[in-house]
């Protein structure tokens, strides 16, 4: 009995440590998400074509950061100010905003599972800070752009999402199209860049303005930048 408990404990510790050991290896290569793996194993539709960060138009990462994580350039994996606002909203009975950074979403997508769970959040926080410490901001964003779900039929990564929405590579997206892609996150099943409704178009306009403002503020300069 003690031997079985010891084996189970060691196995659990190994599973907890595995993401921390794998993260440095993700400085290169084309990592996949747990959801991509699950869809493949279950026979559900799944498509992903990796696209390097250097091949993307600058408007795309800027729009995504504007939509998903405005403080991406400056935080260390967790946006504590945003998190406090989420907790304050929860205390008031409101659950309108999400507090996850792009780095947290990378941690969840690469190593954890979807859905809301206190256990998952407890695992996600230190892992996001580790990812931020080990990988560059550009690499974190490159991974995110290539593993996020971007279409209603199992399109993962911005390349597959762009081909579904616009019929061509993400490398050729205009600033407006890049903003439309950003506007459908984090729910590309209910939102569409292919046939954007008024809400998506309105969000796209907002993100275009924010992306331009971020560029003018010099958000992308410095060692921690894009």
C-alpha atoms as a PDB file:
ATOM      1  CA  UNK A   1       0.000   0.000   0.000  1.00  0.00           C
ATOM      2  CA  UNK A   2       2.770   2.423   0.925  1.00  0.00           C
ATOM      3  CA  UNK A   3       4.589   1.578  -2.288  1.00  0.00           C
ATOM      4  CA  UNK A   4       1.492   2.359  -4.350  1.00  0.00           C
ATOM      5  CA  UNK A   5       1.029   5.676  -2.538  1.00  0.00           C
ATOM      6  CA  UNK A   6       4.685   6.537  -3.123  1.00  0.00           C
ATOM      7  CA  UNK A   7       4.395   5.734  -6.825  1.00  0.00           C
ATOM      8  CA  UNK A   8       1.241   7.837  -7.120  1.00  0.00           C
ATOM      9  CA  UNK A   9       2.882  10.745  -5.302  1.00  0.00           C
ATOM     10  CA  UNK A  10       5.972  10.615  -7.512  1.00  0.00           C
ATOM     11  CA  UNK A  11       3.809  10.412 -10.608  1.00  0.00           C
ATOM     12  CA  UNK A  12       1.819  13.477  -9.521  1.00  0.00           C
ATOM     13  CA  UNK A  13       5.014  15.417  -8.806  1.00  0.00           C
ATOM     14  CA  UNK A  14       6.409  14.417 -12.184  1.00  0.00           C
ATOM     15  CA  UNK A  15       3.274  15.622 -13.968  1.00  0.00           C
ATOM     16  CA  UNK A  16       3.435  18.933 -12.108  1.00  0.00           C
ATOM     17  CA  UNK A  17       7.106  19.435 -12.988  1.00  0.00           C
ATOM     18  CA  UNK A  18       6.828  18.340 -16.635  1.00  0.00           C
ATOM     19  CA  UNK A  19       5.587  21.725 -17.988  1.00  0.00           C
ATOM     20  CA  UNK A  20       8.504  23.484 -16.274  1.00  0.00           C
ATOM     21  CA  UNK A  21      10.946  21.075 -17.901  1.00  0.00           C
ATOM     22  CA  UNK A  22       9.326  21.354 -21.330  1.00  0.00           C
ATOM     23  CA  UNK A  23       9.063  25.154 -21.430  1.00  0.00           C
ATOM     24  CA  UNK A  24      12.775  25.819 -22.198  1.00  0.00           C
ATOM     25  CA  UNK A  25      12.497  23.382 -25.112  1.00  0.00           C
ATOM     26  CA  UNK A  26       9.769  25.566 -26.613  1.00  0.00           C
ATOM     27  CA  UNK A  27      12.248  28.308 -27.458  1.00  0.00           C
ATOM     28  CA  UNK A  28      12.235  26.554 -30.827  1.00  0.00           C
ATOM     29  CA  UNK A  29       9.905  24.244 -32.695  1.00  0.00           C
ATOM     30  CA  UNK A  30       6.182  24.204 -33.315  1.00  0.00           C
ATOM     31  CA  UNK A  31       4.415  23.239 -30.070  1.00  0.00           C
ATOM     32  CA  UNK A  32       0.798  22.126 -30.067  1.00  0.00           C
ATOM     33  CA  UNK A  33      -1.929  22.674 -27.485  1.00  0.00           C
ATOM     34  CA  UNK A  34      -3.623  20.051 -25.337  1.00  0.00           C
ATOM     35  CA  UNK A  35      -6.903  20.836 -27.128  1.00  0.00           C
ATOM     36  CA  UNK A  36      -5.279  20.232 -30.512  1.00  0.00           C
ATOM     37  CA  UNK A  37      -3.991  16.884 -29.256  1.00  0.00           C
ATOM     38  CA  UNK A  38      -7.393  15.964 -27.843  1.00  0.00           C
ATOM     39  CA  UNK A  39      -9.227  16.825 -31.066  1.00  0.00           C
ATOM     40  CA  UNK A  40      -6.744  14.775 -33.088  1.00  0.00           C
ATOM     41  CA  UNK A  41      -7.063  11.750 -30.785  1.00  0.00           C
ATOM     42  CA  UNK A  42     -10.865  11.985 -30.729  1.00  0.00           C
ATOM     43  CA  UNK A  43     -11.126  12.271 -34.515  1.00  0.00           C
ATOM     44  CA  UNK A  44     -12.589  15.807 -34.434  1.00  0.00           C
ATOM     45  CA  UNK A  45     -11.607  18.192 -37.256  1.00  0.00           C
ATOM     46  CA  UNK A  46      -8.336  19.994 -36.613  1.00  0.00           C
ATOM     47  CA  UNK A  47      -6.126  22.098 -38.862  1.00  0.00           C
ATOM     48  CA  UNK A  48      -3.045  24.149 -38.067  1.00  0.00           C
ATOM     49  CA  UNK A  49      -0.303  25.555 -40.260  1.00  0.00           C
ATOM     50  CA  UNK A  50       2.511  27.199 -38.345  1.00  0.00           C
ATOM     51  CA  UNK A  51       3.554  30.680 -39.430  1.00  0.00           C
ATOM     52  CA  UNK A  52       6.707  32.370 -38.133  1.00  0.00           C
ATOM     53  CA  UNK A  53       6.370  35.666 -36.292  1.00  0.00           C
ATOM     54  CA  UNK A  54       8.626  37.395 -38.820  1.00  0.00           C
ATOM     55  CA  UNK A  55       6.198  36.543 -41.636  1.00  0.00           C
ATOM     56  CA  UNK A  56       3.240  38.277 -39.980  1.00  0.00           C
ATOM     57  CA  UNK A  57       2.210  41.870 -40.722  1.00  0.00           C
ATOM     58  CA  UNK A  58       2.975  44.069 -37.670  1.00  0.00           C
ATOM     59  CA  UNK A  59      -0.698  45.014 -37.377  1.00  0.00           C
ATOM     60  CA  UNK A  60      -1.641  41.463 -36.403  1.00  0.00           C
ATOM     61  CA  UNK A  61       0.356  40.989 -33.164  1.00  0.00           C
ATOM     62  CA  UNK A  62      -0.356  44.599 -32.200  1.00  0.00           C
ATOM     63  CA  UNK A  63      -4.100  44.105 -32.662  1.00  0.00           C
ATOM     64  CA  UNK A  64      -4.073  40.856 -30.712  1.00  0.00           C
ATOM     65  CA  UNK A  65      -2.184  42.437 -27.828  1.00  0.00           C
ATOM     66  CA  UNK A  66      -4.590  45.387 -27.902  1.00  0.00           C
ATOM     67  CA  UNK A  67      -7.537  43.015 -27.670  1.00  0.00           C
ATOM     68  CA  UNK A  68      -6.235  40.376 -25.272  1.00  0.00           C
ATOM     69  CA  UNK A  69      -3.536  41.842 -23.047  1.00  0.00           C
ATOM     70  CA  UNK A  70      -2.780  45.562 -23.190  1.00  0.00           C
ATOM     71  CA  UNK A  71       0.048  45.276 -20.633  1.00  0.00           C
ATOM     72  CA  UNK A  72       1.706  42.304 -22.333  1.00  0.00           C
ATOM     73  CA  UNK A  73       4.912  44.241 -22.950  1.00  0.00           C
ATOM     74  CA  UNK A  74       5.412  45.169 -19.308  1.00  0.00           C
ATOM     75  CA  UNK A  75       4.027  42.472 -17.008  1.00  0.00           C
ATOM     76  CA  UNK A  76       5.846  39.298 -15.934  1.00  0.00           C
ATOM     77  CA  UNK A  77       3.190  36.828 -16.982  1.00  0.00           C
ATOM     78  CA  UNK A  78       0.409  38.062 -14.677  1.00  0.00           C
ATOM     79  CA  UNK A  79      -1.409  41.384 -14.910  1.00  0.00           C
ATOM     80  CA  UNK A  80      -2.001  41.935 -11.196  1.00  0.00           C
ATOM     81  CA  UNK A  81      -3.972  45.149 -11.696  1.00  0.00           C
ATOM     82  CA  UNK A  82      -6.397  43.432 -14.059  1.00  0.00           C
ATOM     83  CA  UNK A  83      -6.659  40.497 -11.681  1.00  0.00           C
ATOM     84  CA  UNK A  84      -7.620  42.785  -8.805  1.00  0.00           C
ATOM     85  CA  UNK A  85     -10.327  44.344 -10.985  1.00  0.00           C
ATOM     86  CA  UNK A  86     -11.695  40.872 -11.786  1.00  0.00           C
ATOM     87  CA  UNK A  87     -11.784  39.994  -8.083  1.00  0.00           C
ATOM     88  CA  UNK A  88     -13.519  43.283  -7.278  1.00  0.00           C
ATOM     89  CA  UNK A  89     -16.118  42.592  -9.970  1.00  0.00           C
ATOM     90  CA  UNK A  90     -16.653  39.095  -8.572  1.00  0.00           C
ATOM     91  CA  UNK A  91     -17.256  40.501  -5.101  1.00  0.00           C
ATOM     92  CA  UNK A  92     -19.913  42.785  -6.609  1.00  0.00           C
ATOM     93  CA  UNK A  93     -21.530  39.826  -8.362  1.00  0.00           C
ATOM     94  CA  UNK A  94     -20.261  40.812 -11.802  1.00  0.00           C
ATOM     95  CA  UNK A  95     -18.353  38.455 -14.107  1.00  0.00           C
ATOM     96  CA  UNK A  96     -18.025  40.518 -17.277  1.00  0.00           C
ATOM     97  CA  UNK A  97     -14.280  40.630 -17.792  1.00  0.00           C
ATOM     98  CA  UNK A  98     -11.527  38.071 -17.997  1.00  0.00           C
ATOM     99  CA  UNK A  99      -8.208  38.569 -16.291  1.00  0.00           C
ATOM    100  CA  UNK A 100      -6.016  36.105 -18.165  1.00  0.00           C
ATOM    101  CA  UNK A 101      -2.927  37.445 -19.911  1.00  0.00           C
ATOM    102  CA  UNK A 102      -1.650  36.072 -23.190  1.00  0.00           C
ATOM    103  CA  UNK A 103       1.056  34.277 -21.208  1.00  0.00           C
ATOM    104  CA  UNK A 104      -1.557  32.641 -18.980  1.00  0.00           C
ATOM    105  CA  UNK A 105      -3.454  31.519 -22.062  1.00  0.00           C
ATOM    106  CA  UNK A 106      -0.255  30.008 -23.460  1.00  0.00           C
ATOM    107  CA  UNK A 107       0.245  28.146 -20.174  1.00  0.00           C
ATOM    108  CA  UNK A 108      -3.325  26.868 -20.244  1.00  0.00           C
ATOM    109  CA  UNK A 109      -3.311  25.929 -23.923  1.00  0.00           C
ATOM    110  CA  UNK A 110       0.048  24.166 -23.853  1.00  0.00           C
ATOM    111  CA  UNK A 111      -0.164  22.295 -20.571  1.00  0.00           C
ATOM    112  CA  UNK A 112      -3.575  22.502 -18.868  1.00  0.00           C
ATOM    113  CA  UNK A 113      -7.248  22.204 -19.773  1.00  0.00           C
ATOM    114  CA  UNK A 114     -10.077  24.581 -20.782  1.00  0.00           C
ATOM    115  CA  UNK A 115     -12.900  25.680 -18.534  1.00  0.00           C
ATOM    116  CA  UNK A 116     -12.994  27.578 -15.271  1.00  0.00           C
ATOM    117  CA  UNK A 117     -11.424  25.874 -12.285  1.00  0.00           C
ATOM    118  CA  UNK A 118      -9.651  27.123  -9.174  1.00  0.00           C
ATOM    119  CA  UNK A 119      -7.271  24.169  -9.423  1.00  0.00           C
ATOM    120  CA  UNK A 120      -6.359  25.082 -12.989  1.00  0.00           C
ATOM    121  CA  UNK A 121      -5.841  28.727 -12.038  1.00  0.00           C
ATOM    122  CA  UNK A 122      -3.594  27.699  -9.142  1.00  0.00           C
ATOM    123  CA  UNK A 123      -1.440  25.713 -11.582  1.00  0.00           C
ATOM    124  CA  UNK A 124      -1.617  28.395 -14.272  1.00  0.00           C
ATOM    125  CA  UNK A 125      -0.262  31.345 -12.281  1.00  0.00           C
ATOM    126  CA  UNK A 126       3.241  30.105 -11.421  1.00  0.00           C
ATOM    127  CA  UNK A 127       3.519  28.422 -14.810  1.00  0.00           C
ATOM    128  CA  UNK A 128       2.745  31.703 -16.601  1.00  0.00           C
ATOM    129  CA  UNK A 129       5.446  33.482 -14.589  1.00  0.00           C
ATOM    130  CA  UNK A 130       7.910  30.696 -15.446  1.00  0.00           C
ATOM    131  CA  UNK A 131       7.058  30.938 -19.145  1.00  0.00           C
ATOM    132  CA  UNK A 132       7.593  34.702 -19.041  1.00  0.00           C
ATOM    133  CA  UNK A 133      10.966  34.225 -17.359  1.00  0.00           C
ATOM    134  CA  UNK A 134      12.179  31.539 -19.776  1.00  0.00           C
ATOM    135  CA  UNK A 135      10.778  32.645 -23.144  1.00  0.00           C
ATOM    136  CA  UNK A 136      11.001  36.025 -24.869  1.00  0.00           C
ATOM    137  CA  UNK A 137       7.870  38.125 -25.311  1.00  0.00           C
ATOM    138  CA  UNK A 138       8.063  37.621 -29.064  1.00  0.00           C
ATOM    139  CA  UNK A 139       8.275  33.856 -28.709  1.00  0.00           C
ATOM    140  CA  UNK A 140       5.359  33.763 -26.256  1.00  0.00           C
ATOM    141  CA  UNK A 141       3.232  35.741 -28.682  1.00  0.00           C
ATOM    142  CA  UNK A 142       4.374  33.624 -31.630  1.00  0.00           C
ATOM    143  CA  UNK A 143       3.298  30.467 -29.804  1.00  0.00           C
ATOM    144  CA  UNK A 144      -0.026  32.010 -28.818  1.00  0.00           C
ATOM    145  CA  UNK A 145      -0.788  33.101 -32.378  1.00  0.00           C
ATOM    146  CA  UNK A 146      -0.103  29.549 -33.566  1.00  0.00           C
ATOM    147  CA  UNK A 147      -2.064  27.573 -30.950  1.00  0.00           C
ATOM    148  CA  UNK A 148      -5.117  29.734 -30.222  1.00  0.00           C
ATOM    149  CA  UNK A 149      -8.402  28.487 -31.643  1.00  0.00           C
ATOM    150  CA  UNK A 150      -9.322  30.742 -34.551  1.00  0.00           C
ATOM    151  CA  UNK A 151     -12.291  29.203 -36.314  1.00  0.00           C
ATOM    152  CA  UNK A 152     -15.533  27.279 -35.738  1.00  0.00           C
ATOM    153  CA  UNK A 153     -14.316  24.066 -37.379  1.00  0.00           C
ATOM    154  CA  UNK A 154     -11.120  23.271 -35.498  1.00  0.00           C
ATOM    155  CA  UNK A 155      -8.956  25.965 -37.088  1.00  0.00           C
ATOM    156  CA  UNK A 156      -5.996  26.490 -34.770  1.00  0.00           C
ATOM    157  CA  UNK A 157      -3.414  29.192 -35.250  1.00  0.00           C
ATOM    158  CA  UNK A 158      -3.811  32.454 -37.086  1.00  0.00           C
ATOM    159  CA  UNK A 159      -2.706  30.973 -40.420  1.00  0.00           C
ATOM    160  CA  UNK A 160      -5.527  28.422 -40.512  1.00  0.00           C
ATOM    161  CA  UNK A 161      -7.920  31.046 -39.152  1.00  0.00           C
ATOM    162  CA  UNK A 162      -6.940  33.565 -41.817  1.00  0.00           C
ATOM    163  CA  UNK A 163      -7.297  31.043 -44.617  1.00  0.00           C
ATOM    164  CA  UNK A 164     -10.752  30.130 -43.307  1.00  0.00           C
ATOM    165  CA  UNK A 165     -11.884  33.748 -42.882  1.00  0.00           C
ATOM    166  CA  UNK A 166     -10.263  35.436 -45.873  1.00  0.00           C
ATOM    167  CA  UNK A 167      -9.011  32.648 -48.122  1.00  0.00           C
ATOM    168  CA  UNK A 168      -5.353  33.632 -47.897  1.00  0.00           C
ATOM    169  CA  UNK A 169      -2.325  33.566 -45.641  1.00  0.00           C
ATOM    170  CA  UNK A 170      -2.105  35.622 -42.479  1.00  0.00           C
ATOM    171  CA  UNK A 171       1.081  37.095 -43.962  1.00  0.00           C
ATOM    172  CA  UNK A 172      -1.036  39.182 -46.354  1.00  0.00           C
ATOM    173  CA  UNK A 173      -3.673  40.479 -43.935  1.00  0.00           C
ATOM    174  CA  UNK A 174      -4.483  44.178 -43.970  1.00  0.00           C
ATOM    175  CA  UNK A 175      -4.662  46.162 -40.732  1.00  0.00           C
ATOM    176  CA  UNK A 176      -8.459  45.970 -40.854  1.00  0.00           C
ATOM    177  CA  UNK A 177      -8.444  42.210 -41.381  1.00  0.00           C
ATOM    178  CA  UNK A 178      -5.887  41.753 -38.603  1.00  0.00           C
ATOM    179  CA  UNK A 179      -8.171  43.692 -36.264  1.00  0.00           C
ATOM    180  CA  UNK A 180     -11.136  41.531 -37.280  1.00  0.00           C
ATOM    181  CA  UNK A 181      -9.107  38.427 -36.432  1.00  0.00           C
ATOM    182  CA  UNK A 182      -8.286  39.892 -33.032  1.00  0.00           C
ATOM    183  CA  UNK A 183     -11.929  40.813 -32.468  1.00  0.00           C
ATOM    184  CA  UNK A 184     -13.169  37.208 -32.624  1.00  0.00           C
ATOM    185  CA  UNK A 185     -10.957  36.142 -29.722  1.00  0.00           C
ATOM    186  CA  UNK A 186     -11.548  34.389 -27.398  1.00  0.00           C
ATOM    187  CA  UNK A 187     -14.683  32.882 -28.970  1.00  0.00           C
ATOM    188  CA  UNK A 188     -14.232  32.182 -32.703  1.00  0.00           C
ATOM    189  CA  UNK A 189     -17.224  29.851 -32.642  1.00  0.00           C
ATOM    190  CA  UNK A 190     -19.730  32.589 -31.812  1.00  0.00           C
ATOM    191  CA  UNK A 191     -17.814  35.443 -33.470  1.00  0.00           C
ATOM    192  CA  UNK A 192     -16.788  35.493 -37.118  1.00  0.00           C
ATOM    193  CA  UNK A 193     -14.150  37.415 -39.046  1.00  0.00           C
ATOM    194  CA  UNK A 194     -15.463  35.788 -42.201  1.00  0.00           C
ATOM    195  CA  UNK A 195     -18.923  37.335 -41.767  1.00  0.00           C
ATOM    196  CA  UNK A 196     -18.429  39.932 -39.040  1.00  0.00           C
ATOM    197  CA  UNK A 197     -21.473  41.302 -37.305  1.00  0.00           C
ATOM    198  CA  UNK A 198     -21.800  44.861 -35.991  1.00  0.00           C
ATOM    199  CA  UNK A 199     -20.234  43.959 -32.647  1.00  0.00           C
ATOM    200  CA  UNK A 200     -17.160  42.383 -34.227  1.00  0.00           C
ATOM    201  CA  UNK A 201     -16.751  45.309 -36.607  1.00  0.00           C
ATOM    202  CA  UNK A 202     -17.014  47.749 -33.720  1.00  0.00           C
ATOM    203  CA  UNK A 203     -14.406  45.853 -31.703  1.00  0.00           C
ATOM    204  CA  UNK A 204     -12.117  45.704 -34.737  1.00  0.00           C
ATOM    205  CA  UNK A 205     -12.224  49.478 -35.063  1.00  0.00           C
ATOM    206  CA  UNK A 206     -11.348  49.844 -31.382  1.00  0.00           C
ATOM    207  CA  UNK A 207      -8.427  47.445 -31.641  1.00  0.00           C
ATOM    208  CA  UNK A 208      -7.079  49.169 -34.742  1.00  0.00           C
ATOM    209  CA  UNK A 209      -6.990  52.464 -32.835  1.00  0.00           C
ATOM    210  CA  UNK A 210      -5.400  50.851 -29.782  1.00  0.00           C
ATOM    211  CA  UNK A 211      -2.763  49.131 -31.917  1.00  0.00           C
ATOM    212  CA  UNK A 212      -1.769  52.413 -33.540  1.00  0.00           C
ATOM    213  CA  UNK A 213      -1.644  54.159 -30.172  1.00  0.00           C
ATOM    214  CA  UNK A 214       0.536  51.411 -28.708  1.00  0.00           C
ATOM    215  CA  UNK A 215       2.958  51.804 -31.608  1.00  0.00           C
ATOM    216  CA  UNK A 216       3.128  55.577 -31.095  1.00  0.00           C
ATOM    217  CA  UNK A 217       3.786  55.122 -27.369  1.00  0.00           C
ATOM    218  CA  UNK A 218       6.808  52.965 -28.170  1.00  0.00           C
ATOM    219  CA  UNK A 219       5.302  49.875 -26.571  1.00  0.00           C
ATOM    220  CA  UNK A 220       7.308  47.668 -28.906  1.00  0.00           C
ATOM    221  CA  UNK A 221      10.737  49.100 -28.117  1.00  0.00           C
ATOM    222  CA  UNK A 222      13.235  47.714 -25.607  1.00  0.00           C
ATOM    223  CA  UNK A 223      14.499  44.294 -24.610  1.00  0.00           C
ATOM    224  CA  UNK A 224      11.076  43.049 -23.435  1.00  0.00           C
ATOM    225  CA  UNK A 225       9.281  44.150 -26.570  1.00  0.00           C
ATOM    226  CA  UNK A 226       8.194  42.796 -29.892  1.00  0.00           C
END
